[in-house]
Amino acid sequence: LPRAETYPSRSVSLLIGYAPGGLT
């Protein structure tokens, strides 16, 4: 993967469409 010098400049969010506590 190419890496930009300024990425990430802040927090990264991972959104999941499934309920907490499951395998995913």
mmCIF file of all heavy atoms, coordinates in Angstrom:
data_MODEL
# 
_entry.id   MODEL 
# 
loop_
_atom_site.group_PDB 
_atom_site.id 
_atom_site.type_symbol 
_atom_site.label_atom_id 
_atom_site.label_alt_id 
_atom_site.label_comp_id 
_atom_site.label_asym_id 
_atom_site.label_entity_id 
_atom_site.label_seq_id 
_atom_site.pdbx_PDB_ins_code 
_atom_site.Cartn_x 
_atom_site.Cartn_y 
_atom_site.Cartn_z 
_atom_site.occupancy 
_atom_site.B_iso_or_equiv 
_atom_site.pdbx_formal_charge 
_atom_site.auth_seq_id 
_atom_site.auth_comp_id 
_atom_site.auth_asym_id 
_atom_site.auth_atom_id 
_atom_site.pdbx_PDB_model_num 
ATOM 1   N N   . LEU A 1 1  ? 0.828   -1.198  0.000  1.00 0.00 ? 1  LEU A N   1 
ATOM 2   C CA  . LEU A 1 1  ? 0.000   0.000   0.000  1.00 0.00 ? 1  LEU A CA  1 
ATOM 3   C C   . LEU A 1 1  ? 0.869   1.256   0.000  1.00 0.00 ? 1  LEU A C   1 
ATOM 4   O O   . LEU A 1 1  ? 1.809   1.363   0.769  1.00 0.00 ? 1  LEU A O   1 
ATOM 5   C CB  . LEU A 1 1  ? -0.907  0.011   1.242  1.00 0.00 ? 1  LEU A CB  1 
ATOM 6   C CG  . LEU A 1 1  ? -1.937  -1.104  1.329  1.00 0.00 ? 1  LEU A CG  1 
ATOM 7   C CD1 . LEU A 1 1  ? -2.651  -1.045  2.669  1.00 0.00 ? 1  LEU A CD1 1 
ATOM 8   C CD2 . LEU A 1 1  ? -2.934  -1.009  0.196  1.00 0.00 ? 1  LEU A CD2 1 
ATOM 9   N N   . PRO A 1 2  ? 0.551   2.201   -0.866 1.00 0.00 ? 2  PRO A N   1 
ATOM 10  C CA  . PRO A 1 2  ? 1.318   3.447   -0.858 1.00 0.00 ? 2  PRO A CA  1 
ATOM 11  C C   . PRO A 1 2  ? 0.994   4.245   0.400  1.00 0.00 ? 2  PRO A C   1 
ATOM 12  O O   . PRO A 1 2  ? -0.126  4.244   0.875  1.00 0.00 ? 2  PRO A O   1 
ATOM 13  C CB  . PRO A 1 2  ? 0.818   4.175   -2.107 1.00 0.00 ? 2  PRO A CB  1 
ATOM 14  C CG  . PRO A 1 2  ? -0.509  3.603   -2.382 1.00 0.00 ? 2  PRO A CG  1 
ATOM 15  C CD  . PRO A 1 2  ? -0.475  2.185   -1.885 1.00 0.00 ? 2  PRO A CD  1 
ATOM 16  N N   . ARG A 1 3  ? 1.968   4.922   0.932  1.00 0.00 ? 3  ARG A N   1 
ATOM 17  C CA  . ARG A 1 3  ? 1.776   5.700   2.149  1.00 0.00 ? 3  ARG A CA  1 
ATOM 18  C C   . ARG A 1 3  ? 1.984   7.177   1.865  1.00 0.00 ? 3  ARG A C   1 
ATOM 19  O O   . ARG A 1 3  ? 3.049   7.579   1.442  1.00 0.00 ? 3  ARG A O   1 
ATOM 20  C CB  . ARG A 1 3  ? 2.787   5.258   3.198  1.00 0.00 ? 3  ARG A CB  1 
ATOM 21  C CG  . ARG A 1 3  ? 2.108   4.764   4.422  1.00 0.00 ? 3  ARG A CG  1 
ATOM 22  C CD  . ARG A 1 3  ? 3.116   4.366   5.425  1.00 0.00 ? 3  ARG A CD  1 
ATOM 23  N NE  . ARG A 1 3  ? 2.628   3.144   5.991  1.00 0.00 ? 3  ARG A NE  1 
ATOM 24  C CZ  . ARG A 1 3  ? 2.969   2.706   7.154  1.00 0.00 ? 3  ARG A CZ  1 
ATOM 25  N NH1 . ARG A 1 3  ? 3.864   3.337   7.854  1.00 0.00 ? 3  ARG A NH1 1 
ATOM 26  N NH2 . ARG A 1 3  ? 2.464   1.620   7.622  1.00 0.00 ? 3  ARG A NH2 1 
ATOM 27  N N   . ALA A 1 4  ? 0.948   7.944   2.114  1.00 0.00 ? 4  ALA A N   1 
ATOM 28  C CA  . ALA A 1 4  ? 1.083   9.388   1.997  1.00 0.00 ? 4  ALA A CA  1 
ATOM 29  C C   . ALA A 1 4  ? 1.725   9.904   3.278  1.00 0.00 ? 4  ALA A C   1 
ATOM 30  O O   . ALA A 1 4  ? 1.546   9.346   4.339  1.00 0.00 ? 4  ALA A O   1 
ATOM 31  C CB  . ALA A 1 4  ? -0.291  10.020  1.791  1.00 0.00 ? 4  ALA A CB  1 
ATOM 32  N N   . GLU A 1 5  ? 2.474   10.942  3.167  1.00 0.00 ? 5  GLU A N   1 
ATOM 33  C CA  . GLU A 1 5  ? 3.183   11.475  4.325  1.00 0.00 ? 5  GLU A CA  1 
ATOM 34  C C   . GLU A 1 5  ? 2.241   12.020  5.387  1.00 0.00 ? 5  GLU A C   1 
ATOM 35  O O   . GLU A 1 5  ? 2.555   12.014  6.551  1.00 0.00 ? 5  GLU A O   1 
ATOM 36  C CB  . GLU A 1 5  ? 4.155   12.571  3.876  1.00 0.00 ? 5  GLU A CB  1 
ATOM 37  C CG  . GLU A 1 5  ? 5.294   12.049  3.034  1.00 0.00 ? 5  GLU A CG  1 
ATOM 38  C CD  . GLU A 1 5  ? 6.177   11.073  3.779  1.00 0.00 ? 5  GLU A CD  1 
ATOM 39  O OE1 . GLU A 1 5  ? 6.437   11.266  4.972  1.00 0.00 ? 5  GLU A OE1 1 
ATOM 40  O OE2 . GLU A 1 5  ? 6.605   10.094  3.145  1.00 0.00 ? 5  GLU A OE2 1 
ATOM 41  N N   . THR A 1 6  ? 1.076   12.513  4.996  1.00 0.00 ? 6  THR A N   1 
ATOM 42  C CA  . THR A 1 6  ? 0.183   13.143  5.952  1.00 0.00 ? 6  THR A CA  1 
ATOM 43  C C   . THR A 1 6  ? -0.972  12.250  6.386  1.00 0.00 ? 6  THR A C   1 
ATOM 44  O O   . THR A 1 6  ? -1.819  12.686  7.138  1.00 0.00 ? 6  THR A O   1 
ATOM 45  C CB  . THR A 1 6  ? -0.398  14.441  5.372  1.00 0.00 ? 6  THR A CB  1 
ATOM 46  O OG1 . THR A 1 6  ? -1.132  14.120  4.190  1.00 0.00 ? 6  THR A OG1 1 
ATOM 47  C CG2 . THR A 1 6  ? 0.695   15.431  5.065  1.00 0.00 ? 6  THR A CG2 1 
ATOM 48  N N   . TYR A 1 7  ? -1.048  11.038  5.918  1.00 0.00 ? 7  TYR A N   1 
ATOM 49  C CA  . TYR A 1 7  ? -2.153  10.154  6.315  1.00 0.00 ? 7  TYR A CA  1 
ATOM 50  C C   . TYR A 1 7  ? -1.709  9.231   7.422  1.00 0.00 ? 7  TYR A C   1 
ATOM 51  O O   . TYR A 1 7  ? -0.646  8.666   7.342  1.00 0.00 ? 7  TYR A O   1 
ATOM 52  C CB  . TYR A 1 7  ? -2.635  9.317   5.132  1.00 0.00 ? 7  TYR A CB  1 
ATOM 53  C CG  . TYR A 1 7  ? -3.789  8.410   5.511  1.00 0.00 ? 7  TYR A CG  1 
ATOM 54  C CD1 . TYR A 1 7  ? -5.072  8.904   5.539  1.00 0.00 ? 7  TYR A CD1 1 
ATOM 55  C CD2 . TYR A 1 7  ? -3.578  7.087   5.864  1.00 0.00 ? 7  TYR A CD2 1 
ATOM 56  C CE1 . TYR A 1 7  ? -6.127  8.099   5.897  1.00 0.00 ? 7  TYR A CE1 1 
ATOM 57  C CE2 . TYR A 1 7  ? -4.630  6.274   6.227  1.00 0.00 ? 7  TYR A CE2 1 
ATOM 58  C CZ  . TYR A 1 7  ? -5.906  6.776   6.246  1.00 0.00 ? 7  TYR A CZ  1 
ATOM 59  O OH  . TYR A 1 7  ? -6.946  5.980   6.607  1.00 0.00 ? 7  TYR A OH  1 
ATOM 60  N N   . PRO A 1 8  ? -2.487  9.046   8.404  1.00 0.00 ? 8  PRO A N   1 
ATOM 61  C CA  . PRO A 1 8  ? -3.686  9.780   8.784  1.00 0.00 ? 8  PRO A CA  1 
ATOM 62  C C   . PRO A 1 8  ? -3.317  11.004  9.604  1.00 0.00 ? 8  PRO A C   1 
ATOM 63  O O   . PRO A 1 8  ? -2.428  10.971  10.432 1.00 0.00 ? 8  PRO A O   1 
ATOM 64  C CB  . PRO A 1 8  ? -4.466  8.787   9.617  1.00 0.00 ? 8  PRO A CB  1 
ATOM 65  C CG  . PRO A 1 8  ? -3.428  7.925   10.255 1.00 0.00 ? 8  PRO A CG  1 
ATOM 66  C CD  . PRO A 1 8  ? -2.293  7.872   9.272  1.00 0.00 ? 8  PRO A CD  1 
ATOM 67  N N   . SER A 1 9  ? -4.020  12.063  9.356  1.00 0.00 ? 9  SER A N   1 
ATOM 68  C CA  . SER A 1 9  ? -3.744  13.301  10.076 1.00 0.00 ? 9  SER A CA  1 
ATOM 69  C C   . SER A 1 9  ? -4.604  13.433  11.324 1.00 0.00 ? 9  SER A C   1 
ATOM 70  O O   . SER A 1 9  ? -4.417  14.347  12.110 1.00 0.00 ? 9  SER A O   1 
ATOM 71  C CB  . SER A 1 9  ? -3.984  14.495  9.153  1.00 0.00 ? 9  SER A CB  1 
ATOM 72  O OG  . SER A 1 9  ? -5.320  14.487  8.695  1.00 0.00 ? 9  SER A OG  1 
ATOM 73  N N   . ARG A 1 10 ? -5.555  12.522  11.488 1.00 0.00 ? 10 ARG A N   1 
ATOM 74  C CA  . ARG A 1 10 ? -6.424  12.494  12.672 1.00 0.00 ? 10 ARG A CA  1 
ATOM 75  C C   . ARG A 1 10 ? -6.904  11.065  12.869 1.00 0.00 ? 10 ARG A C   1 
ATOM 76  O O   . ARG A 1 10 ? -6.444  10.155  12.177 1.00 0.00 ? 10 ARG A O   1 
ATOM 77  C CB  . ARG A 1 10 ? -7.583  13.467  12.509 1.00 0.00 ? 10 ARG A CB  1 
ATOM 78  C CG  . ARG A 1 10 ? -8.450  13.187  11.297 1.00 0.00 ? 10 ARG A CG  1 
ATOM 79  C CD  . ARG A 1 10 ? -9.527  14.244  11.144 1.00 0.00 ? 10 ARG A CD  1 
ATOM 80  N NE  . ARG A 1 10 ? -10.228 14.089  9.905  1.00 0.00 ? 10 ARG A NE  1 
ATOM 81  C CZ  . ARG A 1 10 ? -11.240 13.251  9.690  1.00 0.00 ? 10 ARG A CZ  1 
ATOM 82  N NH1 . ARG A 1 10 ? -11.652 12.465  10.655 1.00 0.00 ? 10 ARG A NH1 1 
ATOM 83  N NH2 . ARG A 1 10 ? -11.817 13.182  8.522  1.00 0.00 ? 10 ARG A NH2 1 
ATOM 84  N N   . SER A 1 11 ? -7.825  10.864  13.793 1.00 0.00 ? 11 SER A N   1 
ATOM 85  C CA  . SER A 1 11 ? -8.273  9.503   14.098 1.00 0.00 ? 11 SER A CA  1 
ATOM 86  C C   . SER A 1 11 ? -8.990  8.879   12.897 1.00 0.00 ? 11 SER A C   1 
ATOM 87  O O   . SER A 1 11 ? -9.578  9.564   12.065 1.00 0.00 ? 11 SER A O   1 
ATOM 88  C CB  . SER A 1 11 ? -9.198  9.504   15.313 1.00 0.00 ? 11 SER A CB  1 
ATOM 89  O OG  . SER A 1 11 ? -10.385 10.206  15.020 1.00 0.00 ? 11 SER A OG  1 
ATOM 90  N N   . VAL A 1 12 ? -8.927  7.565   12.830 1.00 0.00 ? 12 VAL A N   1 
ATOM 91  C CA  . VAL A 1 12 ? -9.564  6.792   11.774 1.00 0.00 ? 12 VAL A CA  1 
ATOM 92  C C   . VAL A 1 12 ? -10.769 6.081   12.381 1.00 0.00 ? 12 VAL A C   1 
ATOM 93  O O   . VAL A 1 12 ? -10.671 5.513   13.472 1.00 0.00 ? 12 VAL A O   1 
ATOM 94  C CB  . VAL A 1 12 ? -8.581  5.756   11.181 1.00 0.00 ? 12 VAL A CB  1 
ATOM 95  C CG1 . VAL A 1 12 ? -9.262  4.878   10.157 1.00 0.00 ? 12 VAL A CG1 1 
ATOM 96  C CG2 . VAL A 1 12 ? -7.379  6.461   10.579 1.00 0.00 ? 12 VAL A CG2 1 
ATOM 97  N N   . SER A 1 13 ? -11.902 6.116   11.693 1.00 0.00 ? 13 SER A N   1 
ATOM 98  C CA  . SER A 1 13 ? -13.112 5.451   12.167 1.00 0.00 ? 13 SER A CA  1 
ATOM 99  C C   . SER A 1 13 ? -13.400 4.232   11.306 1.00 0.00 ? 13 SER A C   1 
ATOM 100 O O   . SER A 1 13 ? -13.402 4.317   10.080 1.00 0.00 ? 13 SER A O   1 
ATOM 101 C CB  . SER A 1 13 ? -14.315 6.396   12.101 1.00 0.00 ? 13 SER A CB  1 
ATOM 102 O OG  . SER A 1 13 ? -14.142 7.471   12.975 1.00 0.00 ? 13 SER A OG  1 
ATOM 103 N N   . LEU A 1 14 ? -13.630 3.108   11.953 1.00 0.00 ? 14 LEU A N   1 
ATOM 104 C CA  . LEU A 1 14 ? -14.055 1.891   11.271 1.00 0.00 ? 14 LEU A CA  1 
ATOM 105 C C   . LEU A 1 14 ? -15.517 1.663   11.620 1.00 0.00 ? 14 LEU A C   1 
ATOM 106 O O   . LEU A 1 14 ? -15.846 1.440   12.787 1.00 0.00 ? 14 LEU A O   1 
ATOM 107 C CB  . LEU A 1 14 ? -13.218 0.694   11.730 1.00 0.00 ? 14 LEU A CB  1 
ATOM 108 C CG  . LEU A 1 14 ? -11.715 0.759   11.492 1.00 0.00 ? 14 LEU A CG  1 
ATOM 109 C CD1 . LEU A 1 14 ? -11.039 -0.475  12.062 1.00 0.00 ? 14 LEU A CD1 1 
ATOM 110 C CD2 . LEU A 1 14 ? -11.420 0.882   10.014 1.00 0.00 ? 14 LEU A CD2 1 
ATOM 111 N N   . LEU A 1 15 ? -16.403 1.732   10.648 1.00 0.00 ? 15 LEU A N   1 
ATOM 112 C CA  . LEU A 1 15 ? -17.827 1.544   10.896 1.00 0.00 ? 15 LEU A CA  1 
ATOM 113 C C   . LEU A 1 15 ? -18.237 0.128   10.544 1.00 0.00 ? 15 LEU A C   1 
ATOM 114 O O   . LEU A 1 15 ? -17.876 -0.394  9.475  1.00 0.00 ? 15 LEU A O   1 
ATOM 115 C CB  . LEU A 1 15 ? -18.658 2.540   10.086 1.00 0.00 ? 15 LEU A CB  1 
ATOM 116 C CG  . LEU A 1 15 ? -18.915 3.882   10.747 1.00 0.00 ? 15 LEU A CG  1 
ATOM 117 C CD1 . LEU A 1 15 ? -17.635 4.631   10.992 1.00 0.00 ? 15 LEU A CD1 1 
ATOM 118 C CD2 . LEU A 1 15 ? -19.894 4.693   9.975  1.00 0.00 ? 15 LEU A CD2 1 
ATOM 119 N N   . ILE A 1 16 ? -18.993 -0.481  11.465 1.00 0.00 ? 16 ILE A N   1 
ATOM 120 C CA  . ILE A 1 16 ? -19.464 -1.850  11.294 1.00 0.00 ? 16 ILE A CA  1 
ATOM 121 C C   . ILE A 1 16 ? -20.983 -1.819  11.301 1.00 0.00 ? 16 ILE A C   1 
ATOM 122 O O   . ILE A 1 16 ? -21.583 -1.164  12.147 1.00 0.00 ? 16 ILE A O   1 
ATOM 123 C CB  . ILE A 1 16 ? -18.999 -2.751  12.453 1.00 0.00 ? 16 ILE A CB  1 
ATOM 124 C CG1 . ILE A 1 16 ? -17.507 -2.640  12.669 1.00 0.00 ? 16 ILE A CG1 1 
ATOM 125 C CG2 . ILE A 1 16 ? -19.392 -4.195  12.206 1.00 0.00 ? 16 ILE A CG2 1 
ATOM 126 C CD1 . ILE A 1 16 ? -17.048 -3.342  13.925 1.00 0.00 ? 16 ILE A CD1 1 
ATOM 127 N N   . GLY A 1 17 ? -21.610 -2.542  10.412 1.00 0.00 ? 17 GLY A N   1 
ATOM 128 C CA  . GLY A 1 17 ? -23.065 -2.607  10.357 1.00 0.00 ? 17 GLY A CA  1 
ATOM 129 C C   . GLY A 1 17 ? -23.648 -3.730  11.192 1.00 0.00 ? 17 GLY A C   1 
ATOM 130 O O   . GLY A 1 17 ? -24.802 -4.104  10.979 1.00 0.00 ? 17 GLY A O   1 
ATOM 131 N N   . TYR A 1 18 ? -22.882 -4.261  12.110 1.00 0.00 ? 18 TYR A N   1 
ATOM 132 C CA  . TYR A 1 18 ? -23.330 -5.383  12.928 1.00 0.00 ? 18 TYR A CA  1 
ATOM 133 C C   . TYR A 1 18 ? -23.278 -5.024  14.406 1.00 0.00 ? 18 TYR A C   1 
ATOM 134 O O   . TYR A 1 18 ? -22.564 -4.108  14.815 1.00 0.00 ? 18 TYR A O   1 
ATOM 135 C CB  . TYR A 1 18 ? -22.461 -6.613  12.665 1.00 0.00 ? 18 TYR A CB  1 
ATOM 136 C CG  . TYR A 1 18 ? -22.476 -7.025  11.215 1.00 0.00 ? 18 TYR A CG  1 
ATOM 137 C CD1 . TYR A 1 18 ? -21.407 -6.722  10.380 1.00 0.00 ? 18 TYR A CD1 1 
ATOM 138 C CD2 . TYR A 1 18 ? -23.561 -7.684  10.670 1.00 0.00 ? 18 TYR A CD2 1 
ATOM 139 C CE1 . TYR A 1 18 ? -21.416 -7.071  9.044  1.00 0.00 ? 18 TYR A CE1 1 
ATOM 140 C CE2 . TYR A 1 18 ? -23.591 -8.043  9.336  1.00 0.00 ? 18 TYR A CE2 1 
ATOM 141 C CZ  . TYR A 1 18 ? -22.520 -7.737  8.526  1.00 0.00 ? 18 TYR A CZ  1 
ATOM 142 O OH  . TYR A 1 18 ? -22.544 -8.081  7.206  1.00 0.00 ? 18 TYR A OH  1 
ATOM 143 N N   . ALA A 1 19 ? -24.010 -5.781  15.207 1.00 0.00 ? 19 ALA A N   1 
ATOM 144 C CA  . ALA A 1 19 ? -24.110 -5.519  16.642 1.00 0.00 ? 19 ALA A CA  1 
ATOM 145 C C   . ALA A 1 19 ? -22.789 -5.781  17.358 1.00 0.00 ? 19 ALA A C   1 
ATOM 146 O O   . ALA A 1 19 ? -21.993 -6.615  16.932 1.00 0.00 ? 19 ALA A O   1 
ATOM 147 C CB  . ALA A 1 19 ? -25.204 -6.387  17.250 1.00 0.00 ? 19 ALA A CB  1 
ATOM 148 N N   . PRO A 1 20 ? -22.550 -5.073  18.461 1.00 0.00 ? 20 PRO A N   1 
ATOM 149 C CA  . PRO A 1 20 ? -21.338 -5.312  19.254 1.00 0.00 ? 20 PRO A CA  1 
ATOM 150 C C   . PRO A 1 20 ? -21.351 -6.711  19.856 1.00 0.00 ? 20 PRO A C   1 
ATOM 151 O O   . PRO A 1 20 ? -22.403 -7.245  20.191 1.00 0.00 ? 20 PRO A O   1 
ATOM 152 C CB  . PRO A 1 20 ? -21.407 -4.266  20.358 1.00 0.00 ? 20 PRO A CB  1 
ATOM 153 C CG  . PRO A 1 20 ? -22.457 -3.297  19.958 1.00 0.00 ? 20 PRO A CG  1 
ATOM 154 C CD  . PRO A 1 20 ? -23.342 -3.973  18.982 1.00 0.00 ? 20 PRO A CD  1 
ATOM 155 N N   . GLY A 1 21 ? -20.181 -7.293  19.996 1.00 0.00 ? 21 GLY A N   1 
ATOM 156 C CA  . GLY A 1 21 ? -20.046 -8.594  20.640 1.00 0.00 ? 21 GLY A CA  1 
ATOM 157 C C   . GLY A 1 21 ? -20.046 -9.777  19.696 1.00 0.00 ? 21 GLY A C   1 
ATOM 158 O O   . GLY A 1 21 ? -19.729 -10.886 20.092 1.00 0.00 ? 21 GLY A O   1 
ATOM 159 N N   . GLY A 1 22 ? -20.371 -9.554  18.434 1.00 0.00 ? 22 GLY A N   1 
ATOM 160 C CA  . GLY A 1 22 ? -20.365 -10.641 17.465 1.00 0.00 ? 22 GLY A CA  1 
ATOM 161 C C   . GLY A 1 22 ? -18.964 -10.897 16.930 1.00 0.00 ? 22 GLY A C   1 
ATOM 162 O O   . GLY A 1 22 ? -18.008 -10.181 17.250 1.00 0.00 ? 22 GLY A O   1 
ATOM 163 N N   . LEU A 1 23 ? -18.826 -11.916 16.114 1.00 0.00 ? 23 LEU A N   1 
ATOM 164 C CA  . LEU A 1 23 ? -17.519 -12.282 15.569 1.00 0.00 ? 23 LEU A CA  1 
ATOM 165 C C   . LEU A 1 23 ? -16.911 -11.150 14.748 1.00 0.00 ? 23 LEU A C   1 
ATOM 166 O O   . LEU A 1 23 ? -15.721 -10.845 14.880 1.00 0.00 ? 23 LEU A O   1 
ATOM 167 C CB  . LEU A 1 23 ? -17.639 -13.547 14.722 1.00 0.00 ? 23 LEU A CB  1 
ATOM 168 C CG  . LEU A 1 23 ? -16.349 -14.040 14.080 1.00 0.00 ? 23 LEU A CG  1 
ATOM 169 C CD1 . LEU A 1 23 ? -15.333 -14.395 15.165 1.00 0.00 ? 23 LEU A CD1 1 
ATOM 170 C CD2 . LEU A 1 23 ? -16.609 -15.222 13.195 1.00 0.00 ? 23 LEU A CD2 1 
ATOM 171 N N   . THR A 1 24 ? -17.717 -10.499 13.923 1.00 0.00 ? 24 THR A N   1 
ATOM 172 C CA  . THR A 1 24 ? -17.202 -9.399  13.108 1.00 0.00 ? 24 THR A CA  1 
ATOM 173 C C   . THR A 1 24 ? -16.688 -8.275  13.987 1.00 0.00 ? 24 THR A C   1 
ATOM 174 O O   . THR A 1 24 ? -15.602 -7.731  13.750 1.00 0.00 ? 24 THR A O   1 
ATOM 175 C CB  . THR A 1 24 ? -18.302 -8.867  12.171 1.00 0.00 ? 24 THR A CB  1 
ATOM 176 O OG1 . THR A 1 24 ? -18.805 -9.946  11.384 1.00 0.00 ? 24 THR A OG1 1 
ATOM 177 C CG2 . THR A 1 24 ? -17.773 -7.783  11.260 1.00 0.00 ? 24 THR A CG2 1 
# 
